[in-house]
Protein backbone atom coordinates (compact mmCIF):
# COMPACT_ATOMS: atom_id res chain seq x y z
CA UNK A 1 0.20 0.01 0.28
CA UNK A 2 1.61 3.09 -0.78
CA UNK A 3 0.62 6.22 1.56
CA UNK A 4 0.87 9.47 0.34
CA UNK A 5 0.77 12.88 2.28
CA UNK A 6 -0.49 16.49 1.41
CA UNK A 7 2.36 18.06 3.56
CA UNK A 8 0.61 21.82 2.57
CA UNK A 9 -3.37 19.91 3.65
CA UNK A 10 -4.80 21.33 7.01
CA UNK A 11 -5.21 17.50 7.81
CA UNK A 12 -2.69 16.71 10.00
CA UNK A 13 -0.69 14.19 8.93
CA UNK A 14 -0.98 11.43 11.85
CA UNK A 15 -4.81 12.02 10.00
CA UNK A 16 -4.28 11.47 6.63
CA UNK A 17 -1.61 8.95 7.26
CA UNK A 18 -4.36 7.08 9.58
CA UNK A 19 -7.90 7.78 7.14
CA UNK A 20 -5.88 5.88 4.32
CA UNK A 21 -4.23 2.65 5.99
CA UNK A 22 -8.27 2.07 6.92
CA UNK A 23 -9.56 3.04 4.16
CA UNK A 24 -6.68 -0.45 2.89
CA UNK A 25 -8.00 -2.24 5.83
CA UNK A 26 -11.52 -1.46 4.53
CA UNK A 27 -12.00 -2.38 1.72
CA UNK A 28 -9.89 -5.33 1.55
CA UNK A 29 -6.43 -4.27 -0.07
CA UNK A 30 -4.34 -4.38 3.32
CA UNK A 31 -5.09 -7.73 3.23
CA UNK A 32 -6.07 -9.96 6.78
CA UNK A 33 -3.08 -11.06 8.49
CA UNK A 34 -0.55 -8.54 6.43
CA UNK A 35 1.96 -7.14 7.98
CA UNK A 36 2.07 -3.10 8.67
CA UNK A 37 5.44 -2.09 8.56
CA UNK A 38 7.25 -1.00 11.91
CA UNK A 39 6.70 1.92 12.93
CA UNK A 40 10.17 3.19 12.40
CA UNK A 41 10.30 2.08 8.79
CA UNK A 42 6.99 3.46 8.10
CA UNK A 43 7.77 7.18 9.49
CA UNK A 44 11.33 7.05 7.54
CA UNK A 45 9.26 6.40 4.30
CA UNK A 46 6.95 8.88 4.75
CA UNK A 47 9.15 11.49 6.60
CA UNK A 48 7.47 11.27 9.61
CA UNK A 49 7.96 11.60 13.03
CA UNK A 50 7.95 7.50 15.06
CA UNK A 51 5.90 9.43 17.41
CA UNK A 52 2.90 9.91 14.53
CA UNK A 53 3.23 6.85 13.35
CA UNK A 54 3.08 4.80 16.53
CA UNK A 55 -0.14 6.95 17.64
CA UNK A 56 -2.02 5.80 14.25
CA UNK A 57 -1.28 2.29 14.89
CA UNK A 58 -2.43 2.17 18.66
CA UNK A 59 -5.45 4.69 17.04
CA UNK A 60 -6.41 2.29 14.54
CA UNK A 61 -5.52 -0.50 17.26
CA UNK A 62 -8.16 0.66 19.16
CA UNK A 63 -10.58 0.97 16.45
CA UNK A 64 -10.09 -2.77 15.75
CA UNK A 65 -8.02 -2.55 12.37
CA UNK A 66 -5.08 -3.11 13.09
CA UNK A 67 -3.55 -5.84 15.95
CA UNK A 68 -0.03 -5.40 17.83
CA UNK A 69 1.80 -8.53 18.46
CA UNK A 70 4.99 -7.23 21.17
CA UNK A 71 8.09 -8.16 19.58
CA UNK A 72 6.35 -9.38 16.34
CA UNK A 73 4.95 -6.57 14.65
CA UNK A 74 1.71 -5.31 13.76
CA UNK A 75 -0.53 -6.82 11.01
CA UNK A 76 -4.39 -6.12 9.48
CA UNK A 77 -7.21 -8.19 11.46
CA UNK A 78 -10.14 -10.25 10.88
CA UNK A 79 -13.23 -8.68 11.19
CA UNK A 80 -15.24 -10.69 9.59
CA UNK A 81 -17.12 -10.34 6.79
CA UNK A 82 -20.20 -8.25 9.28
CA UNK A 83 -17.44 -6.26 11.31
CA UNK A 84 -15.51 -5.29 8.69
CA UNK A 85 -19.15 -3.84 6.57
CA UNK A 86 -20.28 -2.15 10.02
CA UNK A 87 -17.06 -0.74 10.36
CA UNK A 88 -16.82 0.75 7.37
CA UNK A 89 -21.42 1.73 7.41
CA UNK A 90 -19.40 3.23 10.92
CA UNK A 91 -17.34 5.51 8.84
CA UNK A 92 -19.42 6.92 6.13
CA UNK A 93 -21.76 7.64 8.89
CA UNK A 94 -19.19 10.05 10.98
CA UNK A 95 -18.07 11.82 7.12
CA UNK A 96 -21.85 12.55 6.74
CA UNK A 97 -22.05 13.88 9.82
CA UNK A 98 -19.61 16.51 10.17
CA UNK A 99 -20.87 17.23 5.98
CA UNK A 100 -24.25 17.41 7.33
CA UNK A 101 -22.84 19.58 10.23
CA UNK A 102 -20.90 21.96 7.42
CA UNK A 103 -23.76 22.66 5.63
CA UNK A 104 -25.75 23.40 8.92
CA UNK A 105 -22.83 26.18 9.82
CA UNK A 106 -23.45 27.64 6.33
CA UNK A 107 -26.73 28.71 6.99
CA UNK A 108 -28.43 25.34 4.16
CA UNK A 109 -31.26 24.24 4.97
CA UNK A 110 -32.36 20.53 6.06
CA UNK A 111 -34.35 20.37 2.35
CA UNK A 112 -31.31 21.67 0.67
CA UNK A 113 -29.60 19.89 1.84
CA UNK A 114 -31.34 17.03 1.34
CA UNK A 115 -31.77 17.57 -2.44
CA UNK A 116 -28.08 18.20 -2.83
CA UNK A 117 -27.66 15.01 -1.69
CA UNK A 118 -30.61 13.29 -3.78
CA UNK A 119 -28.76 15.60 -7.16
CA UNK A 120 -25.17 14.21 -6.23
CA UNK A 121 -26.94 10.60 -6.36
CA UNK A 122 -28.06 11.00 -9.27
CA UNK A 123 -24.87 11.81 -10.49
CA UNK A 124 -23.22 9.05 -9.10
CA UNK A 125 -25.55 6.25 -10.37
CA UNK A 126 -25.18 7.69 -14.14
CA UNK A 127 -22.24 7.30 -13.71
CA UNK A 128 -21.76 3.55 -13.93
């Protein structure tokens, strides 16, 4: 898996790394049992502080996506089909919540948001 960091982004580097590893785990791009690079290896590869990678691994371990085995390494954890689907849905729900809150802050009504969502879904379904 290739992790890309946008250094000029307003999104913290740790979040960028976590989001990409999380997506890899949930999509199946990172297979169950895949051994992740060590904290030191990934930090060096990405040019970030080791503590940044350590925090990401700890966060994803707490989310149940990774498993850290002392003295052995960090591995992609088996979620099972139902567990993976539940985590996928939770991630999308979290992102939708943030998006809808932003729409609220911008002063959009729920009717306007609903219309926009319908329009986007319609356009995406045409692109299939």
